[in-house]
Amino acid sequence: MNYGVYQNVRDAAWRCLLDAGITELPVSVTKIARHFDVNIIKNSVHDWLKPSQSGISFQAEDGTWVVVYDDSDSIGRKRFTIAHELGHILLGHPLREGERHTRVFNKDRPEVEKEADMFAARILSPACVLWALDLHTPEEIAERCQISYTAAQARADRMALLYSRQMFLTSPIERQVFQAFKPWIEQQKSRPE
């Protein structure tokens, strides 16, 4: 992926956390959705998803955004799907009239799907927070962030690279995210194990 695109997605995820007032893990995707006036709907309410879909997002006739997710999925997958669909919306991925963003899994995924995945991973498991808590393994990340093992494995791989480069708190916006989470981080570190 182009570094400029990566940087824009990363910064958008940090801005999302700050704007929505997120200060602890697990990140509340419903709080983010409420902040940005996005309606979240369980698929069991309307049965809008096709069998290959975990989630969709679209703009309703009144202009409001809607995210529909498969509520039969595991909690980690549901949270990632909602965050992914929020990524489509907040990254401004274009829709043609009558279209919907969909979360599907195949090897030929469009670039906007990869961007939405990256956005989701970064709002659900911000690197500076994982670093401050000294989390390294997929198991630790999955448990703390309430994401699937698959998503946590991808995040752990990225974190390993960041740990090796000591690439934390290098951006002013990342430092703002860290400061927002800092009281919660200190509370977590002071808890007896």
N, C-alpha and C. Protein backbone atom coordinates (compact mmCIF):
# COMPACT_ATOMS: atom_id res chain seq x y z
N MET A 1 0.85 -1.19 0.00
CA MET A 1 0.00 0.00 0.00
C MET A 1 0.89 1.24 0.00
N ASN A 2 0.47 2.24 -0.71
CA ASN A 2 1.15 3.52 -0.80
C ASN A 2 1.25 4.14 0.60
N TYR A 3 2.46 4.65 0.96
CA TYR A 3 2.65 5.18 2.31
C TYR A 3 1.75 6.37 2.60
N GLY A 4 1.52 7.22 1.60
CA GLY A 4 0.64 8.37 1.79
C GLY A 4 -0.77 7.94 2.15
N VAL A 5 -1.27 6.89 1.48
CA VAL A 5 -2.60 6.36 1.79
C VAL A 5 -2.60 5.79 3.21
N TYR A 6 -1.56 5.02 3.54
CA TYR A 6 -1.43 4.44 4.88
C TYR A 6 -1.48 5.55 5.93
N GLN A 7 -0.68 6.59 5.71
CA GLN A 7 -0.61 7.68 6.67
C GLN A 7 -1.95 8.39 6.81
N ASN A 8 -2.66 8.60 5.72
CA ASN A 8 -3.98 9.24 5.78
C ASN A 8 -4.98 8.40 6.55
N VAL A 9 -4.98 7.09 6.31
CA VAL A 9 -5.90 6.19 7.01
C VAL A 9 -5.56 6.16 8.50
N ARG A 10 -4.28 6.02 8.81
CA ARG A 10 -3.82 6.00 10.21
C ARG A 10 -4.24 7.28 10.92
N ASP A 11 -3.99 8.43 10.30
CA ASP A 11 -4.33 9.71 10.92
C ASP A 11 -5.85 9.87 11.07
N ALA A 12 -6.61 9.39 10.09
CA ALA A 12 -8.07 9.45 10.18
C ALA A 12 -8.58 8.61 11.36
N ALA A 13 -7.96 7.46 11.58
CA ALA A 13 -8.35 6.61 12.71
C ALA A 13 -8.06 7.32 14.03
N TRP A 14 -6.89 7.93 14.13
CA TRP A 14 -6.56 8.67 15.36
C TRP A 14 -7.54 9.83 15.57
N ARG A 15 -7.84 10.57 14.50
CA ARG A 15 -8.77 11.71 14.61
C ARG A 15 -10.15 11.21 15.03
N CYS A 16 -10.58 10.08 14.52
CA CYS A 16 -11.86 9.48 14.88
C CYS A 16 -11.92 9.22 16.39
N LEU A 17 -10.87 8.61 16.93
CA LEU A 17 -10.83 8.31 18.36
C LEU A 17 -10.91 9.59 19.19
N LEU A 18 -10.17 10.60 18.77
CA LEU A 18 -10.17 11.87 19.51
C LEU A 18 -11.53 12.56 19.42
N ASP A 19 -12.07 12.64 18.22
CA ASP A 19 -13.35 13.33 18.02
C ASP A 19 -14.49 12.67 18.78
N ALA A 20 -14.46 11.35 18.86
CA ALA A 20 -15.53 10.61 19.54
C ALA A 20 -15.30 10.49 21.04
N GLY A 21 -14.17 10.99 21.53
CA GLY A 21 -13.90 10.96 22.97
C GLY A 21 -13.59 9.58 23.50
N ILE A 22 -12.93 8.75 22.69
CA ILE A 22 -12.58 7.40 23.11
C ILE A 22 -11.32 7.45 23.96
N THR A 23 -11.38 6.85 25.16
CA THR A 23 -10.26 6.94 26.09
C THR A 23 -9.89 5.62 26.76
N GLU A 24 -10.49 4.52 26.29
CA GLU A 24 -10.17 3.23 26.91
C GLU A 24 -10.46 2.09 25.95
N LEU A 25 -9.88 0.94 26.28
CA LEU A 25 -10.13 -0.30 25.57
C LEU A 25 -11.07 -1.16 26.40
N PRO A 26 -11.90 -1.96 25.78
CA PRO A 26 -12.13 -2.03 24.35
C PRO A 26 -12.87 -0.79 23.87
N VAL A 27 -12.51 -0.35 22.69
CA VAL A 27 -13.11 0.83 22.08
C VAL A 27 -14.59 0.57 21.83
N SER A 28 -15.42 1.53 22.16
CA SER A 28 -16.86 1.41 21.94
C SER A 28 -17.19 1.86 20.52
N VAL A 29 -17.49 0.90 19.65
CA VAL A 29 -17.86 1.26 18.27
C VAL A 29 -19.22 1.93 18.25
N THR A 30 -20.08 1.62 19.20
CA THR A 30 -21.38 2.28 19.25
C THR A 30 -21.23 3.75 19.65
N LYS A 31 -20.29 4.06 20.53
CA LYS A 31 -20.04 5.45 20.91
C LYS A 31 -19.54 6.23 19.69
N ILE A 32 -18.66 5.62 18.91
CA ILE A 32 -18.16 6.27 17.70
C ILE A 32 -19.31 6.51 16.72
N ALA A 33 -20.11 5.48 16.52
CA ALA A 33 -21.24 5.61 15.59
C ALA A 33 -22.20 6.72 16.04
N ARG A 34 -22.52 6.74 17.33
CA ARG A 34 -23.41 7.80 17.84
C ARG A 34 -22.82 9.18 17.60
N HIS A 35 -21.51 9.31 17.85
CA HIS A 35 -20.85 10.61 17.67
C HIS A 35 -20.98 11.10 16.23
N PHE A 36 -20.87 10.19 15.29
CA PHE A 36 -20.91 10.56 13.87
C PHE A 36 -22.30 10.37 13.25
N ASP A 37 -23.32 10.18 14.09
CA ASP A 37 -24.71 10.03 13.63
C ASP A 37 -24.88 8.90 12.62
N VAL A 38 -24.26 7.76 12.92
CA VAL A 38 -24.38 6.56 12.08
C VAL A 38 -25.27 5.57 12.83
N ASN A 39 -26.29 5.07 12.17
CA ASN A 39 -27.17 4.07 12.77
C ASN A 39 -26.58 2.69 12.58
N ILE A 40 -26.56 1.90 13.65
CA ILE A 40 -26.08 0.53 13.58
C ILE A 40 -27.28 -0.40 13.75
N ILE A 41 -27.43 -1.32 12.81
CA ILE A 41 -28.58 -2.22 12.81
C ILE A 41 -28.12 -3.67 12.72
N LYS A 42 -28.70 -4.51 13.55
CA LYS A 42 -28.44 -5.95 13.47
C LYS A 42 -29.10 -6.49 12.21
N ASN A 43 -28.43 -7.39 11.53
CA ASN A 43 -29.02 -7.97 10.33
C ASN A 43 -30.29 -8.76 10.64
N SER A 44 -30.36 -9.35 11.83
CA SER A 44 -31.55 -10.14 12.17
C SER A 44 -32.82 -9.29 12.19
N VAL A 45 -32.69 -7.98 12.26
CA VAL A 45 -33.85 -7.09 12.26
C VAL A 45 -34.45 -6.98 10.86
N HIS A 46 -33.59 -6.89 9.81
CA HIS A 46 -34.08 -6.68 8.45
C HIS A 46 -33.65 -7.73 7.43
N ASP A 47 -32.66 -8.52 7.78
CA ASP A 47 -32.13 -9.55 6.87
C ASP A 47 -31.70 -8.96 5.52
N TRP A 48 -30.84 -7.93 5.59
CA TRP A 48 -30.36 -7.25 4.40
C TRP A 48 -29.06 -7.84 3.84
N LEU A 49 -28.36 -8.63 4.63
CA LEU A 49 -27.06 -9.15 4.19
C LEU A 49 -27.22 -10.39 3.32
N LYS A 50 -26.35 -10.49 2.33
CA LYS A 50 -26.26 -11.71 1.53
C LYS A 50 -25.42 -12.71 2.32
N PRO A 51 -25.51 -14.01 1.97
CA PRO A 51 -24.75 -15.01 2.72
C PRO A 51 -23.25 -14.76 2.81
N SER A 52 -22.66 -14.12 1.82
CA SER A 52 -21.21 -13.89 1.83
C SER A 52 -20.82 -12.59 2.55
N GLN A 53 -21.78 -11.87 3.09
CA GLN A 53 -21.50 -10.56 3.69
C GLN A 53 -21.52 -10.62 5.21
N SER A 54 -20.57 -9.89 5.82
CA SER A 54 -20.56 -9.72 7.27
C SER A 54 -21.17 -8.38 7.66
N GLY A 55 -21.14 -7.43 6.72
CA GLY A 55 -21.67 -6.11 7.01
C GLY A 55 -21.81 -5.28 5.76
N ILE A 56 -22.64 -4.27 5.85
CA ILE A 56 -22.80 -3.31 4.76
C ILE A 56 -22.97 -1.93 5.37
N SER A 57 -22.68 -0.92 4.58
CA SER A 57 -22.99 0.45 4.97
C SER A 57 -23.57 1.15 3.76
N PHE A 58 -24.52 2.02 4.03
CA PHE A 58 -25.15 2.76 2.94
C PHE A 58 -25.76 4.03 3.50
N GLN A 59 -26.08 4.93 2.58
CA GLN A 59 -26.73 6.16 2.96
C GLN A 59 -28.22 6.02 2.69
N ALA A 60 -29.01 6.24 3.72
CA ALA A 60 -30.46 6.14 3.60
C ALA A 60 -30.99 7.31 2.78
N GLU A 61 -32.24 7.21 2.39
CA GLU A 61 -32.86 8.26 1.58
C GLU A 61 -32.84 9.62 2.26
N ASP A 62 -32.88 9.62 3.60
CA ASP A 62 -32.85 10.89 4.33
C ASP A 62 -31.44 11.42 4.54
N GLY A 63 -30.43 10.72 3.99
CA GLY A 63 -29.05 11.17 4.07
C GLY A 63 -28.26 10.61 5.24
N THR A 64 -28.92 9.91 6.16
CA THR A 64 -28.20 9.33 7.29
C THR A 64 -27.47 8.07 6.85
N TRP A 65 -26.38 7.79 7.54
CA TRP A 65 -25.61 6.58 7.26
C TRP A 65 -26.10 5.44 8.12
N VAL A 66 -26.06 4.26 7.55
CA VAL A 66 -26.52 3.05 8.23
C VAL A 66 -25.44 1.97 8.07
N VAL A 67 -25.16 1.28 9.17
CA VAL A 67 -24.29 0.10 9.15
C VAL A 67 -25.15 -1.07 9.59
N VAL A 68 -25.14 -2.12 8.78
CA VAL A 68 -25.83 -3.36 9.12
C VAL A 68 -24.75 -4.42 9.31
N TYR A 69 -24.84 -5.18 10.40
CA TYR A 69 -23.83 -6.21 10.67
C TYR A 69 -24.51 -7.52 10.99
N ASP A 70 -23.75 -8.60 10.76
CA ASP A 70 -24.25 -9.95 11.03
C ASP A 70 -24.14 -10.20 12.53
N ASP A 71 -25.25 -10.13 13.22
CA ASP A 71 -25.24 -10.28 14.67
C ASP A 71 -25.11 -11.73 15.12
N SER A 72 -24.98 -12.66 14.18
CA SER A 72 -24.70 -14.05 14.55
C SER A 72 -23.20 -14.32 14.61
N ASP A 73 -22.38 -13.36 14.17
CA ASP A 73 -20.93 -13.51 14.23
C ASP A 73 -20.43 -13.41 15.67
N SER A 74 -19.18 -13.79 15.90
CA SER A 74 -18.55 -13.64 17.21
C SER A 74 -18.43 -12.16 17.55
N ILE A 75 -18.30 -11.85 18.84
CA ILE A 75 -18.21 -10.46 19.28
C ILE A 75 -17.03 -9.75 18.60
N GLY A 76 -15.90 -10.41 18.49
CA GLY A 76 -14.74 -9.80 17.86
C GLY A 76 -14.97 -9.47 16.40
N ARG A 77 -15.60 -10.39 15.71
CA ARG A 77 -15.88 -10.15 14.29
C ARG A 77 -16.95 -9.07 14.11
N LYS A 78 -17.96 -9.07 14.96
CA LYS A 78 -18.99 -8.02 14.88
C LYS A 78 -18.36 -6.65 15.07
N ARG A 79 -17.51 -6.53 16.08
CA ARG A 79 -16.88 -5.23 16.37
C ARG A 79 -16.00 -4.78 15.20
N PHE A 80 -15.25 -5.73 14.62
CA PHE A 80 -14.38 -5.37 13.51
C PHE A 80 -15.22 -4.98 12.29
N THR A 81 -16.28 -5.70 12.04
CA THR A 81 -17.14 -5.38 10.90
C THR A 81 -17.74 -3.98 11.04
N ILE A 82 -18.25 -3.66 12.21
CA ILE A 82 -18.81 -2.31 12.42
C ILE A 82 -17.72 -1.26 12.23
N ALA A 83 -16.54 -1.49 12.79
CA ALA A 83 -15.43 -0.54 12.64
C ALA A 83 -15.02 -0.41 11.18
N HIS A 84 -15.01 -1.52 10.46
CA HIS A 84 -14.68 -1.52 9.03
C HIS A 84 -15.68 -0.66 8.26
N GLU A 85 -16.97 -0.85 8.52
CA GLU A 85 -17.99 -0.06 7.83
C GLU A 85 -17.91 1.41 8.21
N LEU A 86 -17.61 1.70 9.47
CA LEU A 86 -17.38 3.09 9.87
C LEU A 86 -16.19 3.66 9.10
N GLY A 87 -15.19 2.82 8.84
CA GLY A 87 -14.05 3.26 8.04
C GLY A 87 -14.47 3.70 6.66
N HIS A 88 -15.30 2.92 6.00
CA HIS A 88 -15.79 3.33 4.67
C HIS A 88 -16.44 4.71 4.74
N ILE A 89 -17.28 4.90 5.74
CA ILE A 89 -18.02 6.15 5.87
C ILE A 89 -17.08 7.31 6.19
N LEU A 90 -16.25 7.15 7.22
CA LEU A 90 -15.41 8.25 7.69
C LEU A 90 -14.24 8.53 6.77
N LEU A 91 -13.82 7.56 5.98
CA LEU A 91 -12.76 7.79 4.99
C LEU A 91 -13.33 8.40 3.71
N GLY A 92 -14.64 8.50 3.64
CA GLY A 92 -15.27 9.13 2.48
C GLY A 92 -15.23 8.29 1.23
N HIS A 93 -15.22 6.97 1.39
CA HIS A 93 -15.22 6.11 0.21
C HIS A 93 -16.50 6.37 -0.59
N PRO A 94 -16.36 6.63 -1.87
CA PRO A 94 -17.53 7.02 -2.67
C PRO A 94 -18.49 5.86 -2.92
N LEU A 95 -19.75 6.22 -2.99
CA LEU A 95 -20.81 5.28 -3.37
C LEU A 95 -21.52 5.85 -4.58
N ARG A 96 -21.82 4.99 -5.52
CA ARG A 96 -22.71 5.41 -6.60
C ARG A 96 -24.14 5.21 -6.12
N GLU A 97 -25.07 5.93 -6.69
CA GLU A 97 -26.46 5.86 -6.24
C GLU A 97 -26.95 4.41 -6.23
N GLY A 98 -27.57 4.05 -5.13
CA GLY A 98 -28.12 2.70 -4.99
C GLY A 98 -27.11 1.66 -4.55
N GLU A 99 -25.84 2.04 -4.38
CA GLU A 99 -24.81 1.08 -3.97
C GLU A 99 -24.67 1.05 -2.46
N ARG A 100 -24.02 -0.01 -2.00
CA ARG A 100 -23.70 -0.17 -0.59
C ARG A 100 -22.26 -0.64 -0.49
N HIS A 101 -21.59 -0.19 0.58
CA HIS A 101 -20.28 -0.78 0.90
C HIS A 101 -20.58 -2.15 1.50
N THR A 102 -19.81 -3.15 1.14
CA THR A 102 -20.03 -4.47 1.71
C THR A 102 -18.71 -5.03 2.22
N ARG A 103 -18.77 -5.80 3.28
CA ARG A 103 -17.57 -6.45 3.80
C ARG A 103 -17.65 -7.90 3.37
N VAL A 104 -16.78 -8.26 2.44
CA VAL A 104 -16.71 -9.63 1.95
C VAL A 104 -15.26 -10.07 2.01
N PHE A 105 -15.05 -11.34 1.90
CA PHE A 105 -13.71 -11.90 2.01
C PHE A 105 -13.36 -12.65 0.74
N ASN A 106 -12.42 -12.10 0.00
CA ASN A 106 -11.86 -12.80 -1.14
C ASN A 106 -10.49 -12.23 -1.43
N LYS A 107 -9.73 -12.89 -2.28
CA LYS A 107 -8.34 -12.47 -2.50
C LYS A 107 -8.21 -11.23 -3.36
N ASP A 108 -9.22 -10.91 -4.14
CA ASP A 108 -9.17 -9.77 -5.05
C ASP A 108 -9.94 -8.58 -4.49
N ARG A 109 -9.70 -8.26 -3.23
CA ARG A 109 -10.43 -7.17 -2.60
C ARG A 109 -9.95 -5.82 -3.11
N PRO A 110 -10.87 -4.91 -3.37
CA PRO A 110 -10.49 -3.57 -3.80
C PRO A 110 -9.68 -2.83 -2.73
N GLU A 111 -8.94 -1.83 -3.14
CA GLU A 111 -8.10 -1.06 -2.22
C GLU A 111 -8.92 -0.42 -1.10
N VAL A 112 -10.15 0.03 -1.39
CA VAL A 112 -10.96 0.64 -0.34
C VAL A 112 -11.29 -0.36 0.78
N GLU A 113 -11.37 -1.63 0.45
CA GLU A 113 -11.62 -2.65 1.48
C GLU A 113 -10.41 -2.78 2.40
N LYS A 114 -9.22 -2.74 1.82
CA LYS A 114 -7.99 -2.80 2.62
C LYS A 114 -7.86 -1.57 3.51
N GLU A 115 -8.23 -0.41 2.97
CA GLU A 115 -8.20 0.82 3.76
C GLU A 115 -9.18 0.74 4.93
N ALA A 116 -10.38 0.23 4.69
CA ALA A 116 -11.38 0.10 5.76
C ALA A 116 -10.90 -0.89 6.83
N ASP A 117 -10.23 -1.97 6.41
CA ASP A 117 -9.65 -2.91 7.37
C ASP A 117 -8.59 -2.23 8.23
N MET A 118 -7.72 -1.46 7.56
CA MET A 118 -6.65 -0.77 8.28
C MET A 118 -7.24 0.22 9.28
N PHE A 119 -8.25 0.95 8.85
CA PHE A 119 -8.92 1.90 9.74
C PHE A 119 -9.49 1.16 10.96
N ALA A 120 -10.20 0.07 10.71
CA ALA A 120 -10.81 -0.70 11.81
C ALA A 120 -9.77 -1.18 12.80
N ALA A 121 -8.68 -1.73 12.29
CA ALA A 121 -7.62 -2.23 13.18
C ALA A 121 -7.04 -1.11 14.04
N ARG A 122 -6.91 0.06 13.46
CA ARG A 122 -6.28 1.17 14.18
C ARG A 122 -7.21 1.86 15.16
N ILE A 123 -8.52 1.80 14.94
CA ILE A 123 -9.39 2.37 15.98
C ILE A 123 -9.65 1.36 17.10
N LEU A 124 -9.69 0.08 16.76
CA LEU A 124 -9.96 -0.93 17.79
C LEU A 124 -8.73 -1.30 18.61
N SER A 125 -7.55 -1.09 18.04
CA SER A 125 -6.31 -1.45 18.75
C SER A 125 -5.21 -0.44 18.41
N PRO A 126 -5.32 0.79 18.95
CA PRO A 126 -4.34 1.82 18.64
C PRO A 126 -2.94 1.42 19.12
N ALA A 127 -1.97 1.56 18.22
CA ALA A 127 -0.60 1.11 18.49
C ALA A 127 -0.02 1.74 19.75
N CYS A 128 -0.24 3.04 19.95
CA CYS A 128 0.37 3.69 21.11
C CYS A 128 -0.19 3.15 22.43
N VAL A 129 -1.44 2.70 22.41
CA VAL A 129 -2.04 2.14 23.62
C VAL A 129 -1.52 0.72 23.85
N LEU A 130 -1.43 -0.07 22.78
CA LEU A 130 -0.87 -1.42 22.90
C LEU A 130 0.57 -1.34 23.41
N TRP A 131 1.33 -0.39 22.89
CA TRP A 131 2.72 -0.17 23.32
C TRP A 131 2.79 0.19 24.80
N ALA A 132 1.94 1.13 25.22
CA ALA A 132 1.96 1.58 26.62
C ALA A 132 1.60 0.44 27.58
N LEU A 133 0.75 -0.49 27.11
CA LEU A 133 0.37 -1.64 27.93
C LEU A 133 1.31 -2.82 27.75
N ASP A 134 2.31 -2.65 26.87
CA ASP A 134 3.31 -3.68 26.57
C ASP A 134 2.66 -4.98 26.09
N LEU A 135 1.70 -4.83 25.17
CA LEU A 135 1.02 -5.99 24.60
C LEU A 135 1.74 -6.40 23.32
N HIS A 136 1.99 -7.69 23.18
CA HIS A 136 2.73 -8.20 22.03
C HIS A 136 2.02 -9.33 21.30
N THR A 137 1.41 -10.23 22.03
CA THR A 137 0.89 -11.45 21.40
C THR A 137 -0.53 -11.25 20.89
N PRO A 138 -0.91 -12.05 19.89
CA PRO A 138 -2.29 -11.98 19.41
C PRO A 138 -3.31 -12.26 20.52
N GLU A 139 -2.97 -13.16 21.40
CA GLU A 139 -3.89 -13.50 22.51
C GLU A 139 -4.13 -12.29 23.40
N GLU A 140 -3.04 -11.58 23.75
CA GLU A 140 -3.17 -10.39 24.60
C GLU A 140 -4.00 -9.31 23.90
N ILE A 141 -3.71 -9.10 22.64
CA ILE A 141 -4.40 -8.05 21.88
C ILE A 141 -5.87 -8.40 21.67
N ALA A 142 -6.14 -9.66 21.33
CA ALA A 142 -7.54 -10.09 21.13
C ALA A 142 -8.35 -9.91 22.40
N GLU A 143 -7.79 -10.31 23.53
CA GLU A 143 -8.51 -10.22 24.79
C GLU A 143 -8.74 -8.76 25.20
N ARG A 144 -7.70 -7.96 25.15
CA ARG A 144 -7.80 -6.57 25.62
C ARG A 144 -8.69 -5.71 24.70
N CYS A 145 -8.59 -5.96 23.40
CA CYS A 145 -9.30 -5.12 22.42
C CYS A 145 -10.64 -5.71 21.99
N GLN A 146 -10.92 -6.93 22.41
CA GLN A 146 -12.14 -7.65 22.00
C GLN A 146 -12.26 -7.70 20.48
N ILE A 147 -11.21 -8.20 19.85
CA ILE A 147 -11.21 -8.43 18.41
C ILE A 147 -10.91 -9.90 18.16
N SER A 148 -11.17 -10.34 16.96
CA SER A 148 -10.94 -11.75 16.63
C SER A 148 -9.45 -12.07 16.68
N TYR A 149 -9.17 -13.35 16.82
CA TYR A 149 -7.77 -13.78 16.82
C TYR A 149 -7.10 -13.42 15.50
N THR A 150 -7.81 -13.57 14.40
CA THR A 150 -7.25 -13.25 13.09
C THR A 150 -6.86 -11.77 13.01
N ALA A 151 -7.74 -10.89 13.45
CA ALA A 151 -7.43 -9.45 13.45
C ALA A 151 -6.29 -9.16 14.42
N ALA A 152 -6.30 -9.83 15.56
CA ALA A 152 -5.25 -9.62 16.56
C ALA A 152 -3.89 -10.11 16.05
N GLN A 153 -3.89 -11.19 15.29
CA GLN A 153 -2.64 -11.70 14.72
C GLN A 153 -2.04 -10.67 13.75
N ALA A 154 -2.89 -10.11 12.90
CA ALA A 154 -2.41 -9.08 11.96
C ALA A 154 -1.89 -7.87 12.72
N ARG A 155 -2.57 -7.50 13.79
CA ARG A 155 -2.13 -6.34 14.58
C ARG A 155 -0.83 -6.66 15.31
N ALA A 156 -0.69 -7.86 15.83
CA ALA A 156 0.54 -8.26 16.51
C ALA A 156 1.72 -8.24 15.54
N ASP A 157 1.49 -8.67 14.31
CA ASP A 157 2.56 -8.63 13.31
C ASP A 157 3.00 -7.20 13.05
N ARG A 158 2.03 -6.29 12.92
CA ARG A 158 2.35 -4.87 12.70
C ARG A 158 3.05 -4.29 13.92
N MET A 159 2.59 -4.66 15.10
CA MET A 159 3.20 -4.16 16.33
C MET A 159 4.65 -4.63 16.45
N ALA A 160 4.92 -5.85 16.03
CA ALA A 160 6.30 -6.35 16.09
C ALA A 160 7.22 -5.45 15.28
N LEU A 161 6.76 -5.03 14.12
CA LEU A 161 7.55 -4.12 13.29
C LEU A 161 7.72 -2.77 13.99
N LEU A 162 6.65 -2.26 14.56
CA LEU A 162 6.74 -0.97 15.26
C LEU A 162 7.65 -1.07 16.49
N TYR A 163 7.55 -2.17 17.24
CA TYR A 163 8.44 -2.37 18.39
C TYR A 163 9.90 -2.41 17.93
N SER A 164 10.18 -3.09 16.85
CA SER A 164 11.57 -3.21 16.38
C SER A 164 12.13 -1.86 15.94
N ARG A 165 11.26 -0.99 15.45
CA ARG A 165 11.69 0.35 15.01
C ARG A 165 11.52 1.41 16.09
N GLN A 166 10.85 1.04 17.20
CA GLN A 166 10.50 1.99 18.26
C GLN A 166 9.78 3.21 17.67
N MET A 167 8.76 2.92 16.86
CA MET A 167 8.00 3.95 16.15
C MET A 167 6.70 4.29 16.88
N PHE A 168 6.84 4.90 18.03
CA PHE A 168 5.67 5.28 18.82
C PHE A 168 5.77 6.75 19.19
N LEU A 169 4.62 7.40 19.22
CA LEU A 169 4.50 8.80 19.62
C LEU A 169 5.35 9.73 18.75
N THR A 170 5.48 9.40 17.48
CA THR A 170 6.27 10.22 16.55
C THR A 170 5.42 11.30 15.88
N SER A 171 4.11 11.17 15.94
CA SER A 171 3.21 12.12 15.31
C SER A 171 2.47 12.93 16.38
N PRO A 172 2.26 14.22 16.15
CA PRO A 172 1.51 15.01 17.13
C PRO A 172 0.12 14.45 17.41
N ILE A 173 -0.56 13.96 16.40
CA ILE A 173 -1.91 13.42 16.62
C ILE A 173 -1.86 12.11 17.41
N GLU A 174 -0.82 11.30 17.18
CA GLU A 174 -0.68 10.08 17.97
C GLU A 174 -0.42 10.43 19.43
N ARG A 175 0.36 11.46 19.68
CA ARG A 175 0.61 11.89 21.06
C ARG A 175 -0.69 12.36 21.72
N GLN A 176 -1.59 12.98 20.95
CA GLN A 176 -2.89 13.39 21.50
C GLN A 176 -3.72 12.16 21.89
N VAL A 177 -3.70 11.14 21.04
CA VAL A 177 -4.42 9.90 21.35
C VAL A 177 -3.85 9.29 22.63
N PHE A 178 -2.54 9.23 22.71
CA PHE A 178 -1.88 8.67 23.90
C PHE A 178 -2.30 9.44 25.15
N GLN A 179 -2.30 10.78 25.07
CA GLN A 179 -2.69 11.59 26.22
C GLN A 179 -4.15 11.34 26.61
N ALA A 180 -5.01 11.15 25.64
CA ALA A 180 -6.43 10.87 25.93
C ALA A 180 -6.59 9.55 26.67
N PHE A 181 -5.79 8.55 26.30
CA PHE A 181 -5.86 7.23 26.92
C PHE A 181 -5.04 7.13 28.20
N LYS A 182 -4.14 8.07 28.44
CA LYS A 182 -3.15 7.94 29.52
C LYS A 182 -3.75 7.67 30.90
N PRO A 183 -4.79 8.39 31.34
CA PRO A 183 -5.35 8.06 32.67
C PRO A 183 -5.83 6.61 32.75
N TRP A 184 -6.48 6.12 31.71
CA TRP A 184 -6.95 4.73 31.70
C TRP A 184 -5.76 3.77 31.69
N ILE A 185 -4.73 4.08 30.91
CA ILE A 185 -3.53 3.23 30.84
C ILE A 185 -2.89 3.14 32.22
N GLU A 186 -2.75 4.26 32.89
CA GLU A 186 -2.14 4.27 34.23
C GLU A 186 -2.97 3.47 35.22
N GLN A 187 -4.30 3.56 35.09
CA GLN A 187 -5.18 2.77 35.95
C GLN A 187 -4.97 1.28 35.70
N GLN A 188 -4.82 0.88 34.44
CA GLN A 188 -4.62 -0.53 34.11
C GLN A 188 -3.29 -1.03 34.64
N LYS A 189 -2.26 -0.21 34.55
CA LYS A 189 -0.93 -0.61 35.01
C LYS A 189 -0.87 -0.72 36.53
N SER A 190 -1.72 0.00 37.24
CA SER A 190 -1.67 -0.04 38.70
C SER A 190 -2.50 -1.18 39.28
N ARG A 191 -3.26 -1.86 38.44
CA ARG A 191 -4.08 -3.00 38.90
C ARG A 191 -3.19 -4.19 39.22
N PRO A 192 -3.42 -4.84 40.36
CA PRO A 192 -2.67 -6.07 40.63
C PRO A 192 -3.13 -7.20 39.70
N GLU A 193 -2.20 -8.01 39.30
CA GLU A 193 -2.54 -9.10 38.36
C GLU A 193 -3.01 -10.33 39.06
